[in-house]
Each structure stands twice: as structure tokens, then as C-alpha cells.
C-alpha atoms as a PDB file:
ATOM      1  CA  MET A   1       0.047   0.080   0.040  1.00  0.00           C
ATOM      2  CA  GLU A   2       1.195   3.506  -0.882  1.00  0.00           C
ATOM      3  CA  ALA A   3       0.142   6.573   1.105  1.00  0.00           C
ATOM      4  CA  LEU A   4      -1.366   9.557  -0.915  1.00  0.00           C
ATOM      5  CA  PRO A   5      -0.966  12.990   0.657  1.00  0.00           C
ATOM      6  CA  VAL A   6      -4.248  14.975   0.478  1.00  0.00           C
ATOM      7  CA  MET A   7      -4.864  18.480   1.790  1.00  0.00           C
ATOM      8  CA  LEU A   8      -8.014  20.429   2.224  1.00  0.00           C
ATOM      9  CA  HIS A   9      -7.342  23.947   0.806  1.00  0.00           C
ATOM     10  CA  PRO A  10      -9.178  26.737  -0.700  1.00  0.00           C
ATOM     11  CA  SER A  11      -6.957  26.748  -3.837  1.00  0.00           C
ATOM     12  CA  GLY A  12      -5.576  23.972  -6.043  1.00  0.00           C
ATOM     13  CA  VAL A  13      -2.480  26.243  -6.908  1.00  0.00           C
ATOM     14  CA  SER A  14       0.632  26.209  -4.623  1.00  0.00           C
ATOM     15  CA  ASP A  15       2.116  29.458  -3.606  1.00  0.00           C
ATOM     16  CA  ALA A  16       5.400  30.364  -5.294  1.00  0.00           C
ATOM     17  CA  GLU A  17       7.254  29.760  -2.020  1.00  0.00           C
ATOM     18  CA  ALA A  18       5.526  26.516  -1.041  1.00  0.00           C
ATOM     19  CA  THR A  19       6.854  23.066  -1.805  1.00  0.00           C
ATOM     20  CA  ALA A  20       4.164  20.596  -2.649  1.00  0.00           C
ATOM     21  CA  VAL A  21       4.712  16.963  -1.778  1.00  0.00           C
ATOM     22  CA  PRO A  22       5.024  14.838  -4.846  1.00  0.00           C
ATOM     23  CA  GLY A  23       1.801  13.362  -5.879  1.00  0.00           C
ATOM     24  CA  MET A  24      -0.179  15.514  -3.399  1.00  0.00           C
ATOM     25  CA  ARG A  25      -3.986  16.009  -4.073  1.00  0.00           C
ATOM     26  CA  ILE A  26      -6.157  18.913  -2.969  1.00  0.00           C
ATOM     27  CA  VAL A  27      -9.683  18.933  -1.963  1.00  0.00           C
ATOM     28  CA  THR A  28     -11.097  22.434  -2.800  1.00  0.00           C
ATOM     29  CA  PRO A  29     -14.219  23.832  -1.280  1.00  0.00           C
ATOM     30  CA  ALA A  30     -16.172  22.907  -4.364  1.00  0.00           C
ATOM     31  CA  LEU A  31     -14.941  19.283  -4.420  1.00  0.00           C
ATOM     32  CA  PHE A  32     -15.585  19.132  -0.543  1.00  0.00           C
ATOM     33  CA  ASP A  33     -19.126  20.078  -1.222  1.00  0.00           C
ATOM     34  CA  LYS A  34     -19.398  17.310  -4.004  1.00  0.00           C
ATOM     35  CA  LEU A  35     -17.947  14.820  -1.522  1.00  0.00           C
ATOM     36  CA  LYS A  36     -20.425  15.824   1.205  1.00  0.00           C
ATOM     37  CA  GLY A  37     -23.165  15.386  -1.329  1.00  0.00           C
ATOM     38  CA  ALA A  38     -21.980  12.041  -2.327  1.00  0.00           C
ATOM     39  CA  VAL A  39     -21.683  10.836   1.312  1.00  0.00           C
ATOM     40  CA  THR A  40     -25.093  12.086   2.134  1.00  0.00           C
ATOM     41  CA  ARG A  41     -26.556  10.126  -0.757  1.00  0.00           C
ATOM     42  CA  TYR A  42     -24.618   7.032   0.152  1.00  0.00           C
ATOM     43  CA  VAL A  43     -25.904   7.275   3.804  1.00  0.00           C
ATOM     44  CA  ALA A  44     -29.494   7.938   2.689  1.00  0.00           C
ATOM     45  CA  ALA A  45     -29.319   4.907   0.296  1.00  0.00           C
ATOM     46  CA  LEU A  46     -28.251   2.665   3.050  1.00  0.00           C
ATOM     47  CA  ALA A  47     -30.754   3.998   5.488  1.00  0.00           C
ATOM     48  CA  SER A  48     -33.682   3.450   3.055  1.00  0.00           C
ATOM     49  CA  ALA A  49     -34.209  -0.088   4.592  1.00  0.00           C
ATOM     50  CA  PRO A  50     -33.401  -1.505   7.975  1.00  0.00           C
ATOM     51  CA  ASP A  51     -31.205  -4.306   6.664  1.00  0.00           C
ATOM     52  CA  ARG A  52     -29.094  -2.418   4.005  1.00  0.00           C
ATOM     53  CA  TRP A  53     -26.335  -1.465   6.423  1.00  0.00           C
ATOM     54  CA  THR A  54     -25.537  -5.228   7.152  1.00  0.00           C
ATOM     55  CA  ASP A  55     -25.608  -6.356   3.503  1.00  0.00           C
ATOM     56  CA  GLU A  56     -22.016  -6.216   2.282  1.00  0.00           C
ATOM     57  CA  GLN A  57     -23.154  -6.298  -1.401  1.00  0.00           C
ATOM     58  CA  VAL A  58     -25.405  -3.382  -0.969  1.00  0.00           C
ATOM     59  CA  VAL A  59     -22.761  -1.369   0.923  1.00  0.00           C
ATOM     60  CA  ARG A  60     -20.149  -2.247  -1.789  1.00  0.00           C
ATOM     61  CA  GLU A  61     -22.501  -1.227  -4.477  1.00  0.00           C
ATOM     62  CA  GLN A  62     -23.362   2.066  -2.824  1.00  0.00           C
ATOM     63  CA  PHE A  63     -19.675   2.885  -2.326  1.00  0.00           C
ATOM     64  CA  ALA A  64     -19.023   2.332  -6.068  1.00  0.00           C
ATOM     65  CA  ARG A  65     -22.214   4.250  -7.124  1.00  0.00           C
ATOM     66  CA  HIS A  66     -21.106   7.365  -5.271  1.00  0.00           C
ATOM     67  CA  LYS A  67     -17.519   7.034  -6.262  1.00  0.00           C
ATOM     68  CA  LEU A  68     -16.233   6.400  -2.786  1.00  0.00           C
ATOM     69  CA  THR A  69     -13.752   3.643  -3.476  1.00  0.00           C
ATOM     70  CA  GLY A  70     -10.078   3.640  -4.184  1.00  0.00           C
ATOM     71  CA  GLU A  71      -8.891   5.524  -7.197  1.00  0.00           C
ATOM     72  CA  ARG A  72     -12.413   6.837  -7.967  1.00  0.00           C
ATOM     73  CA  PHE A  73     -12.492   8.707  -4.688  1.00  0.00           C
ATOM     74  CA  PHE A  74      -9.188  10.503  -5.635  1.00  0.00           C
ATOM     75  CA  THR A  75      -9.965  11.322  -9.169  1.00  0.00           C
ATOM     76  CA  THR A  76     -13.581  12.467  -8.380  1.00  0.00           C
ATOM     77  CA  TYR A  77     -13.149  14.384  -5.122  1.00  0.00           C
ATOM     78  CA  THR A  78      -9.535  15.751  -5.274  1.00  0.00           C
ATOM     79  CA  LYS A  79      -7.333  17.318  -7.929  1.00  0.00           C
ATOM     80  CA  ALA A  80      -3.576  17.567  -8.538  1.00  0.00           C
ATOM     81  CA  VAL A  81      -1.738  20.537  -7.204  1.00  0.00           C
ATOM     82  CA  ARG A  82      -0.661  23.020  -9.790  1.00  0.00           C
ATOM     83  CA  ALA A  83       2.316  25.222  -9.352  1.00  0.00           C
ATOM     84  CA  SER A  84       1.794  29.004  -9.431  1.00  0.00           C
ATOM     85  CA  SER A  85       2.964  30.815 -12.478  1.00  0.00           C
END
């Protein structure tokens, strides 16, 4: 397993004096709102019936549907840091 550095920040652009960690991803306010919406929809889908929380297949399907798994999470809810010009 390899760690992926993620930062919540108002900008996806690094300051000229900043040093971004190689491979670092940023969650901007807009992406954070998108993530909150996905998590809310995920929870609502599981709460729609009493047994859905305990059904591994349903949980797995909902994670996938809302892009909350592995690489899809990072490509959907984060973006690469850009260097300032």
C-alpha cells in the first residue's frame, strides 16, 4: 500500500514559496461540497431499509455508485496541485 498525501485547501494552486509533496492531491471547497453530497446520498441509500447496512453487497454497490472507492475517490473528489505561474 502506498500513502497519498491529501490536503483540504481553498486553492488548487501552490504558492510560489510553497513546496508541494510529490503526488499530493487537493480537496477544494467545491470538491468538498461534492464529496459531502456523495456521502449524504450514500448514507440515505443505506438508511432506506433496515437491513441495508448489514448487507455487504449493498454497501459495496453504494460505495461504487457514489465514487467512494479507491482510485475513483481521488479522481472524483480531489485534484492535483498546480504550481503557481
